[in-house]
Each structure stands twice: as structure tokens, then as C-alpha cells.
Amino acid sequence: MKEKTERNLPKFVGFIILMIPSLFFRFGIEAFRFKSKAYKAGRIFKNELQRQGLDTTTIQQLTDSYLEGSDPFRLLRALR
């Protein structure tokens, strides 16, 4: 059983090396989609706060706090 695992290891490593560019590309696309959806939700949140009659300083602070959690790269840094 160990011999079979050792023979498959180079194939597995080669497969992972070939998949890395694809994974980075997919992550970039998904990060962009996530970020654009978050900004859209942030605009809706900001408009709703304005409709409720809050002052602009408070609206900006709340919107910034709302959008702070939507940065996928910051989330990855937090997971380290």
C-alpha cells in the first residue's frame, strides 16, 4: 500500500502545481464578485440610513463599518 502512495505522490504534486494558476484566477474572480455585491449592499444600506434621517457623518461611519467586513483579502489575513 505504501508503494502505491509513493508512486502517486509525484502525480499529485504535479496536479497541484498545474492547478495553482487556475485557483488564483478563480479566487480573483470570486473576490471581485463578492466585493461588488458588498458595495451594492453598502449603497442600499447608506440610502436607507439617509432615508431614516441620520446625519452624514454617522451615515459614513456606519457604512464604512458595514463594508469593512466585505474585503476578502482582509478576511484571508485574519485567518492566518
PDB file of N, CA and C in Angstrom:
ATOM      1  N   MET A   1       0.819  -1.203   0.000  1.00  0.00           N
ATOM      2  CA  MET A   1       0.000   0.000   0.000  1.00  0.00           C
ATOM      3  C   MET A   1       0.863   1.268   0.000  1.00  0.00           C
ATOM      4  N   LYS A   2       1.978   1.218   0.752  1.00  0.00           N
ATOM      5  CA  LYS A   2       2.856   2.376   0.826  1.00  0.00           C
ATOM      6  C   LYS A   2       3.495   2.679  -0.534  1.00  0.00           C
ATOM      7  N   GLU A   3       3.837   1.628  -1.282  1.00  0.00           N
ATOM      8  CA  GLU A   3       4.443   1.827  -2.596  1.00  0.00           C
ATOM      9  C   GLU A   3       3.499   2.545  -3.550  1.00  0.00           C
ATOM     10  N   LYS A   4       2.230   2.198  -3.489  1.00  0.00           N
ATOM     11  CA  LYS A   4       1.248   2.841  -4.363  1.00  0.00           C
ATOM     12  C   LYS A   4       1.106   4.324  -4.016  1.00  0.00           C
ATOM     13  N   THR A   5       1.124   4.628  -2.731  1.00  0.00           N
ATOM     14  CA  THR A   5       1.030   6.016  -2.294  1.00  0.00           C
ATOM     15  C   THR A   5       2.250   6.802  -2.750  1.00  0.00           C
ATOM     16  N   GLU A   6       3.422   6.193  -2.633  1.00  0.00           N
ATOM     17  CA  GLU A   6       4.650   6.877  -3.043  1.00  0.00           C
ATOM     18  C   GLU A   6       4.674   7.110  -4.551  1.00  0.00           C
ATOM     19  N   ARG A   7       4.125   6.203  -5.333  1.00  0.00           N
ATOM     20  CA  ARG A   7       4.080   6.388  -6.783  1.00  0.00           C
ATOM     21  C   ARG A   7       3.095   7.480  -7.174  1.00  0.00           C
ATOM     22  N   ASN A   8       2.029   7.644  -6.415  1.00  0.00           N
ATOM     23  CA  ASN A   8       1.022   8.650  -6.737  1.00  0.00           C
ATOM     24  C   ASN A   8       1.408  10.046  -6.264  1.00  0.00           C
ATOM     25  N   LEU A   9       2.354  10.152  -5.357  1.00  0.00           N
ATOM     26  CA  LEU A   9       2.755  11.452  -4.830  1.00  0.00           C
ATOM     27  C   LEU A   9       3.268  12.404  -5.915  1.00  0.00           C
ATOM     28  N   PRO A  10       4.163  11.983  -6.794  1.00  0.00           N
ATOM     29  CA  PRO A  10       4.594  12.919  -7.857  1.00  0.00           C
ATOM     30  C   PRO A  10       3.443  13.356  -8.764  1.00  0.00           C
ATOM     31  N   LYS A  11       2.530  12.456  -9.050  1.00  0.00           N
ATOM     32  CA  LYS A  11       1.372  12.834  -9.866  1.00  0.00           C
ATOM     33  C   LYS A  11       0.521  13.861  -9.143  1.00  0.00           C
ATOM     34  N   PHE A  12       0.335  13.650  -7.844  1.00  0.00           N
ATOM     35  CA  PHE A  12      -0.475  14.574  -7.049  1.00  0.00           C
ATOM     36  C   PHE A  12       0.177  15.946  -6.979  1.00  0.00           C
ATOM     37  N   VAL A  13       1.484  15.979  -6.724  1.00  0.00           N
ATOM     38  CA  VAL A  13       2.206  17.252  -6.655  1.00  0.00           C
ATOM     39  C   VAL A  13       2.147  17.968  -8.003  1.00  0.00           C
ATOM     40  N   GLY A  14       2.328  17.220  -9.076  1.00  0.00           N
ATOM     41  CA  GLY A  14       2.231  17.817 -10.410  1.00  0.00           C
ATOM     42  C   GLY A  14       0.848  18.379 -10.681  1.00  0.00           C
ATOM     43  N   PHE A  15      -0.166  17.671 -10.258  1.00  0.00           N
ATOM     44  CA  PHE A  15      -1.544  18.136 -10.433  1.00  0.00           C
ATOM     45  C   PHE A  15      -1.776  19.441  -9.663  1.00  0.00           C
ATOM     46  N   ILE A  16      -1.300  19.494  -8.432  1.00  0.00           N
ATOM     47  CA  ILE A  16      -1.465  20.704  -7.611  1.00  0.00           C
ATOM     48  C   ILE A  16      -0.738  21.882  -8.254  1.00  0.00           C
ATOM     49  N   ILE A  17       0.477  21.646  -8.740  1.00  0.00           N
ATOM     50  CA  ILE A  17       1.241  22.724  -9.374  1.00  0.00           C
ATOM     51  C   ILE A  17       0.507  23.252 -10.606  1.00  0.00           C
ATOM     52  N   LEU A  18      -0.099  22.372 -11.375  1.00  0.00           N
ATOM     53  CA  LEU A  18      -0.842  22.805 -12.564  1.00  0.00           C
ATOM     54  C   LEU A  18      -2.134  23.536 -12.198  1.00  0.00           C
ATOM     55  N   MET A  19      -2.709  23.231 -11.045  1.00  0.00           N
ATOM     56  CA  MET A  19      -3.972  23.838 -10.646  1.00  0.00           C
ATOM     57  C   MET A  19      -3.812  25.200  -9.977  1.00  0.00           C
ATOM     58  N   ILE A  20      -2.623  25.545  -9.497  1.00  0.00           N
ATOM     59  CA  ILE A  20      -2.421  26.790  -8.751  1.00  0.00           C
ATOM     60  C   ILE A  20      -2.832  28.020  -9.563  1.00  0.00           C
ATOM     61  N   PRO A  21      -2.394  28.197 -10.811  1.00  0.00           N
ATOM     62  CA  PRO A  21      -2.835  29.393 -11.557  1.00  0.00           C
ATOM     63  C   PRO A  21      -4.364  29.455 -11.712  1.00  0.00           C
ATOM     64  N   SER A  22      -4.965  28.324 -11.945  1.00  0.00           N
ATOM     65  CA  SER A  22      -6.413  28.288 -12.089  1.00  0.00           C
ATOM     66  C   SER A  22      -7.103  28.682 -10.788  1.00  0.00           C
ATOM     67  N   LEU A  23      -6.577  28.203  -9.678  1.00  0.00           N
ATOM     68  CA  LEU A  23      -7.174  28.541  -8.376  1.00  0.00           C
ATOM     69  C   LEU A  23      -7.038  30.027  -8.070  1.00  0.00           C
ATOM     70  N   PHE A  24      -5.866  30.613  -8.393  1.00  0.00           N
ATOM     71  CA  PHE A  24      -5.683  32.049  -8.194  1.00  0.00           C
ATOM     72  C   PHE A  24      -6.645  32.848  -9.063  1.00  0.00           C
ATOM     73  N   PHE A  25      -6.807  32.435 -10.296  1.00  0.00           N
ATOM     74  CA  PHE A  25      -7.723  33.111 -11.213  1.00  0.00           C
ATOM     75  C   PHE A  25      -9.157  33.037 -10.695  1.00  0.00           C
ATOM     76  N   ARG A  26      -9.577  31.851 -10.273  1.00  0.00           N
ATOM     77  CA  ARG A  26     -10.934  31.691  -9.740  1.00  0.00           C
ATOM     78  C   ARG A  26     -11.139  32.523  -8.488  1.00  0.00           C
ATOM     79  N   PHE A  27     -10.144  32.528  -7.610  1.00  0.00           N
ATOM     80  CA  PHE A  27     -10.258  33.320  -6.399  1.00  0.00           C
ATOM     81  C   PHE A  27     -10.390  34.800  -6.741  1.00  0.00           C
ATOM     82  N   GLY A  28      -9.619  35.273  -7.706  1.00  0.00           N
ATOM     83  CA  GLY A  28      -9.691  36.679  -8.099  1.00  0.00           C
ATOM     84  C   GLY A  28     -11.070  37.054  -8.621  1.00  0.00           C
ATOM     85  N   ILE A  29     -11.641  36.198  -9.437  1.00  0.00           N
ATOM     86  CA  ILE A  29     -12.974  36.469  -9.980  1.00  0.00           C
ATOM     87  C   ILE A  29     -14.014  36.470  -8.859  1.00  0.00           C
ATOM     88  N   GLU A  30     -13.947  35.480  -7.992  1.00  0.00           N
ATOM     89  CA  GLU A  30     -14.914  35.404  -6.894  1.00  0.00           C
ATOM     90  C   GLU A  30     -14.740  36.555  -5.916  1.00  0.00           C
ATOM     91  N   ALA A  31     -13.503  36.972  -5.671  1.00  0.00           N
ATOM     92  CA  ALA A  31     -13.260  38.114  -4.786  1.00  0.00           C
ATOM     93  C   ALA A  31     -13.860  39.380  -5.383  1.00  0.00           C
ATOM     94  N   PHE A  32     -13.718  39.553  -6.706  1.00  0.00           N
ATOM     95  CA  PHE A  32     -14.299  40.718  -7.375  1.00  0.00           C
ATOM     96  C   PHE A  32     -15.820  40.695  -7.285  1.00  0.00           C
ATOM     97  N   ARG A  33     -16.435  39.534  -7.511  1.00  0.00           N
ATOM     98  CA  ARG A  33     -17.893  39.422  -7.404  1.00  0.00           C
ATOM     99  C   ARG A  33     -18.367  39.722  -5.986  1.00  0.00           C
ATOM    100  N   PHE A  34     -17.671  39.150  -5.020  1.00  0.00           N
ATOM    101  CA  PHE A  34     -18.023  39.361  -3.613  1.00  0.00           C
ATOM    102  C   PHE A  34     -17.943  40.838  -3.255  1.00  0.00           C
ATOM    103  N   LYS A  35     -16.863  41.481  -3.689  1.00  0.00           N
ATOM    104  CA  LYS A  35     -16.659  42.891  -3.382  1.00  0.00           C
ATOM    105  C   LYS A  35     -17.722  43.766  -4.053  1.00  0.00           C
ATOM    106  N   SER A  36     -18.074  43.466  -5.299  1.00  0.00           N
ATOM    107  CA  SER A  36     -19.075  44.283  -5.990  1.00  0.00           C
ATOM    108  C   SER A  36     -20.457  44.111  -5.357  1.00  0.00           C
ATOM    109  N   LYS A  37     -20.788  42.900  -4.934  1.00  0.00           N
ATOM    110  CA  LYS A  37     -22.069  42.691  -4.242  1.00  0.00           C
ATOM    111  C   LYS A  37     -22.079  43.411  -2.901  1.00  0.00           C
ATOM    112  N   ALA A  38     -20.940  43.426  -2.223  1.00  0.00           N
ATOM    113  CA  ALA A  38     -20.855  44.112  -0.935  1.00  0.00           C
ATOM    114  C   ALA A  38     -21.031  45.619  -1.113  1.00  0.00           C
ATOM    115  N   TYR A  39     -20.420  46.181  -2.146  1.00  0.00           N
ATOM    116  CA  TYR A  39     -20.580  47.615  -2.385  1.00  0.00           C
ATOM    117  C   TYR A  39     -22.014  47.966  -2.759  1.00  0.00           C
ATOM    118  N   LYS A  40     -22.653  47.103  -3.516  1.00  0.00           N
ATOM    119  CA  LYS A  40     -24.055  47.332  -3.853  1.00  0.00           C
ATOM    120  C   LYS A  40     -24.905  47.317  -2.582  1.00  0.00           C
ATOM    121  N   ALA A  41     -24.654  46.345  -1.719  1.00  0.00           N
ATOM    122  CA  ALA A  41     -25.377  46.276  -0.450  1.00  0.00           C
ATOM    123  C   ALA A  41     -25.051  47.485   0.419  1.00  0.00           C
ATOM    124  N   GLY A  42     -23.800  47.968   0.358  1.00  0.00           N
ATOM    125  CA  GLY A  42     -23.413  49.162   1.108  1.00  0.00           C
ATOM    126  C   GLY A  42     -24.147  50.400   0.639  1.00  0.00           C
ATOM    127  N   ARG A  43     -24.340  50.516  -0.674  1.00  0.00           N
ATOM    128  CA  ARG A  43     -25.107  51.664  -1.204  1.00  0.00           C
ATOM    129  C   ARG A  43     -26.563  51.608  -0.734  1.00  0.00           C
ATOM    130  N   ILE A  44     -27.141  50.411  -0.745  1.00  0.00           N
ATOM    131  CA  ILE A  44     -28.517  50.253  -0.278  1.00  0.00           C
ATOM    132  C   ILE A  44     -28.596  50.609   1.204  1.00  0.00           C
ATOM    133  N   PHE A  45     -27.628  50.141   1.988  1.00  0.00           N
ATOM    134  CA  PHE A  45     -27.571  50.433   3.415  1.00  0.00           C
ATOM    135  C   PHE A  45     -27.451  51.940   3.649  1.00  0.00           C
ATOM    136  N   LYS A  46     -26.583  52.590   2.890  1.00  0.00           N
ATOM    137  CA  LYS A  46     -26.383  54.033   3.035  1.00  0.00           C
ATOM    138  C   LYS A  46     -27.659  54.807   2.670  1.00  0.00           C
ATOM    139  N   ASN A  47     -28.298  54.406   1.589  1.00  0.00           N
ATOM    140  CA  ASN A  47     -29.535  55.080   1.178  1.00  0.00           C
ATOM    141  C   ASN A  47     -30.631  54.912   2.223  1.00  0.00           C
ATOM    142  N   GLU A  48     -30.690  53.743   2.827  1.00  0.00           N
ATOM    143  CA  GLU A  48     -31.698  53.504   3.863  1.00  0.00           C
ATOM    144  C   GLU A  48     -31.420  54.358   5.097  1.00  0.00           C
ATOM    145  N   LEU A  49     -30.160  54.505   5.459  1.00  0.00           N
ATOM    146  CA  LEU A  49     -29.824  55.366   6.594  1.00  0.00           C
ATOM    147  C   LEU A  49     -30.174  56.823   6.297  1.00  0.00           C
ATOM    148  N   GLN A  50     -29.931  57.251   5.052  1.00  0.00           N
ATOM    149  CA  GLN A  50     -30.296  58.618   4.673  1.00  0.00           C
ATOM    150  C   GLN A  50     -31.804  58.802   4.716  1.00  0.00           C
ATOM    151  N   ARG A  51     -32.528  57.788   4.288  1.00  0.00           N
ATOM    152  CA  ARG A  51     -33.989  57.856   4.304  1.00  0.00           C
ATOM    153  C   ARG A  51     -34.521  57.950   5.734  1.00  0.00           C
ATOM    154  N   GLN A  52     -33.795  57.347   6.668  1.00  0.00           N
ATOM    155  CA  GLN A  52     -34.199  57.396   8.076  1.00  0.00           C
ATOM    156  C   GLN A  52     -33.861  58.727   8.732  1.00  0.00           C
ATOM    157  N   GLY A  53     -33.039  59.544   8.070  1.00  0.00           N
ATOM    158  CA  GLY A  53     -32.769  60.891   8.558  1.00  0.00           C
ATOM    159  C   GLY A  53     -31.524  61.041   9.408  1.00  0.00           C
ATOM    160  N   LEU A  54     -30.572  60.142   9.321  1.00  0.00           N
ATOM    161  CA  LEU A  54     -29.325  60.278  10.074  1.00  0.00           C
ATOM    162  C   LEU A  54     -28.425  61.322   9.429  1.00  0.00           C
ATOM    163  N   ASP A  55     -27.509  61.875  10.239  1.00  0.00           N
ATOM    164  CA  ASP A  55     -26.593  62.877   9.690  1.00  0.00           C
ATOM    165  C   ASP A  55     -25.499  62.182   8.868  1.00  0.00           C
ATOM    166  N   THR A  56     -24.860  62.940   8.005  1.00  0.00           N
ATOM    167  CA  THR A  56     -23.925  62.356   7.034  1.00  0.00           C
ATOM    168  C   THR A  56     -22.693  61.733   7.697  1.00  0.00           C
ATOM    169  N   THR A  57     -22.216  62.312   8.793  1.00  0.00           N
ATOM    170  CA  THR A  57     -21.038  61.753   9.470  1.00  0.00           C
ATOM    171  C   THR A  57     -21.343  60.363  10.023  1.00  0.00           C
ATOM    172  N   THR A  58     -22.472  60.233  10.671  1.00  0.00           N
ATOM    173  CA  THR A  58     -22.876  58.935  11.223  1.00  0.00           C
ATOM    174  C   THR A  58     -23.126  57.929  10.109  1.00  0.00           C
ATOM    175  N   ILE A  59     -23.749  58.381   9.039  1.00  0.00           N
ATOM    176  CA  ILE A  59     -24.013  57.503   7.895  1.00  0.00           C
ATOM    177  C   ILE A  59     -22.696  56.963   7.336  1.00  0.00           C
ATOM    178  N   GLN A  60     -21.708  57.836   7.170  1.00  0.00           N
ATOM    179  CA  GLN A  60     -20.425  57.414   6.611  1.00  0.00           C
ATOM    180  C   GLN A  60     -19.722  56.435   7.540  1.00  0.00           C
ATOM    181  N   GLN A  61     -19.744  56.702   8.840  1.00  0.00           N
ATOM    182  CA  GLN A  61     -19.101  55.793   9.795  1.00  0.00           C
ATOM    183  C   GLN A  61     -19.773  54.427   9.793  1.00  0.00           C
ATOM    184  N   LEU A  62     -21.093  54.404   9.794  1.00  0.00           N
ATOM    185  CA  LEU A  62     -21.815  53.137   9.798  1.00  0.00           C
ATOM    186  C   LEU A  62     -21.608  52.368   8.490  1.00  0.00           C
ATOM    187  N   THR A  63     -21.598  53.075   7.381  1.00  0.00           N
ATOM    188  CA  THR A  63     -21.380  52.429   6.088  1.00  0.00           C
ATOM    189  C   THR A  63     -19.968  51.861   5.994  1.00  0.00           C
ATOM    190  N   ASP A  64     -18.984  52.617   6.481  1.00  0.00           N
ATOM    191  CA  ASP A  64     -17.604  52.110   6.475  1.00  0.00           C
ATOM    192  C   ASP A  64     -17.480  50.861   7.344  1.00  0.00           C
ATOM    193  N   SER A  65     -18.123  50.865   8.486  1.00  0.00           N
ATOM    194  CA  SER A  65     -18.103  49.684   9.354  1.00  0.00           C
ATOM    195  C   SER A  65     -18.794  48.504   8.687  1.00  0.00           C
ATOM    196  N   TYR A  66     -19.871  48.788   7.982  1.00  0.00           N
ATOM    197  CA  TYR A  66     -20.613  47.743   7.275  1.00  0.00           C
ATOM    198  C   TYR A  66     -19.757  47.116   6.184  1.00  0.00           C
ATOM    199  N   LEU A  67     -19.029  47.946   5.439  1.00  0.00           N
ATOM    200  CA  LEU A  67     -18.217  47.458   4.323  1.00  0.00           C
ATOM    201  C   LEU A  67     -16.883  46.875   4.772  1.00  0.00           C
ATOM    202  N   GLU A  68     -16.466  47.151   5.987  1.00  0.00           N
ATOM    203  CA  GLU A  68     -15.173  46.677   6.482  1.00  0.00           C
ATOM    204  C   GLU A  68     -15.066  45.149   6.440  1.00  0.00           C
ATOM    205  N   GLY A  69     -16.137  44.470   6.709  1.00  0.00           N
ATOM    206  CA  GLY A  69     -16.115  43.015   6.719  1.00  0.00           C
ATOM    207  C   GLY A  69     -16.232  42.377   5.356  1.00  0.00           C
ATOM    208  N   SER A  70     -16.307  43.179   4.319  1.00  0.00           N
ATOM    209  CA  SER A  70     -16.515  42.615   2.982  1.00  0.00           C
ATOM    210  C   SER A  70     -15.245  42.581   2.128  1.00  0.00           C
ATOM    211  N   ASP A  71     -14.103  42.788   2.741  1.00  0.00           N
ATOM    212  CA  ASP A  71     -12.850  42.732   1.999  1.00  0.00           C
ATOM    213  C   ASP A  71     -12.293  41.310   2.089  1.00  0.00           C
ATOM    214  N   PRO A  72     -12.344  40.552   0.982  1.00  0.00           N
ATOM    215  CA  PRO A  72     -11.898  39.148   1.062  1.00  0.00           C
ATOM    216  C   PRO A  72     -10.428  38.996   1.415  1.00  0.00           C
ATOM    217  N   PHE A  73      -9.591  39.950   1.041  1.00  0.00           N
ATOM    218  CA  PHE A  73      -8.174  39.853   1.361  1.00  0.00           C
ATOM    219  C   PHE A  73      -7.932  40.112   2.845  1.00  0.00           C
ATOM    220  N   ARG A  74      -8.694  41.020   3.427  1.00  0.00           N
ATOM    221  CA  ARG A  74      -8.601  41.259   4.870  1.00  0.00           C
ATOM    222  C   ARG A  74      -9.092  40.024   5.630  1.00  0.00           C
ATOM    223  N   LEU A  75     -10.121  39.378   5.108  1.00  0.00           N
ATOM    224  CA  LEU A  75     -10.618  38.157   5.743  1.00  0.00           C
ATOM    225  C   LEU A  75      -9.560  37.057   5.698  1.00  0.00           C
ATOM    226  N   LEU A  76      -8.859  36.934   4.589  1.00  0.00           N
ATOM    227  CA  LEU A  76      -7.778  35.947   4.485  1.00  0.00           C
ATOM    228  C   LEU A  76      -6.634  36.251   5.451  1.00  0.00           C
ATOM    229  N   ARG A  77      -6.304  37.539   5.603  1.00  0.00           N
ATOM    230  CA  ARG A  77      -5.251  37.902   6.552  1.00  0.00           C
ATOM    231  C   ARG A  77      -5.676  37.565   7.978  1.00  0.00           C
ATOM    232  N   ALA A  78      -6.947  37.711   8.282  1.00  0.00           N
ATOM    233  CA  ALA A  78      -7.446  37.402   9.626  1.00  0.00           C
ATOM    234  C   ALA A  78      -7.407  35.896   9.899  1.00  0.00           C
ATOM    235  N   LEU A  79      -7.491  35.087   8.857  1.00  0.00           N
ATOM    236  CA  LEU A  79      -7.470  33.640   9.027  1.00  0.00           C
ATOM    237  C   LEU A  79      -6.063  33.071   9.203  1.00  0.00           C
ATOM    238  N   ARG A  80      -5.041  33.868   9.001  1.00  0.00           N
ATOM    239  CA  ARG A  80      -3.666  33.378   9.144  1.00  0.00           C
ATOM    240  C   ARG A  80      -3.379  32.949  10.542  1.00  0.00           C
TER     241      ARG A  80
END
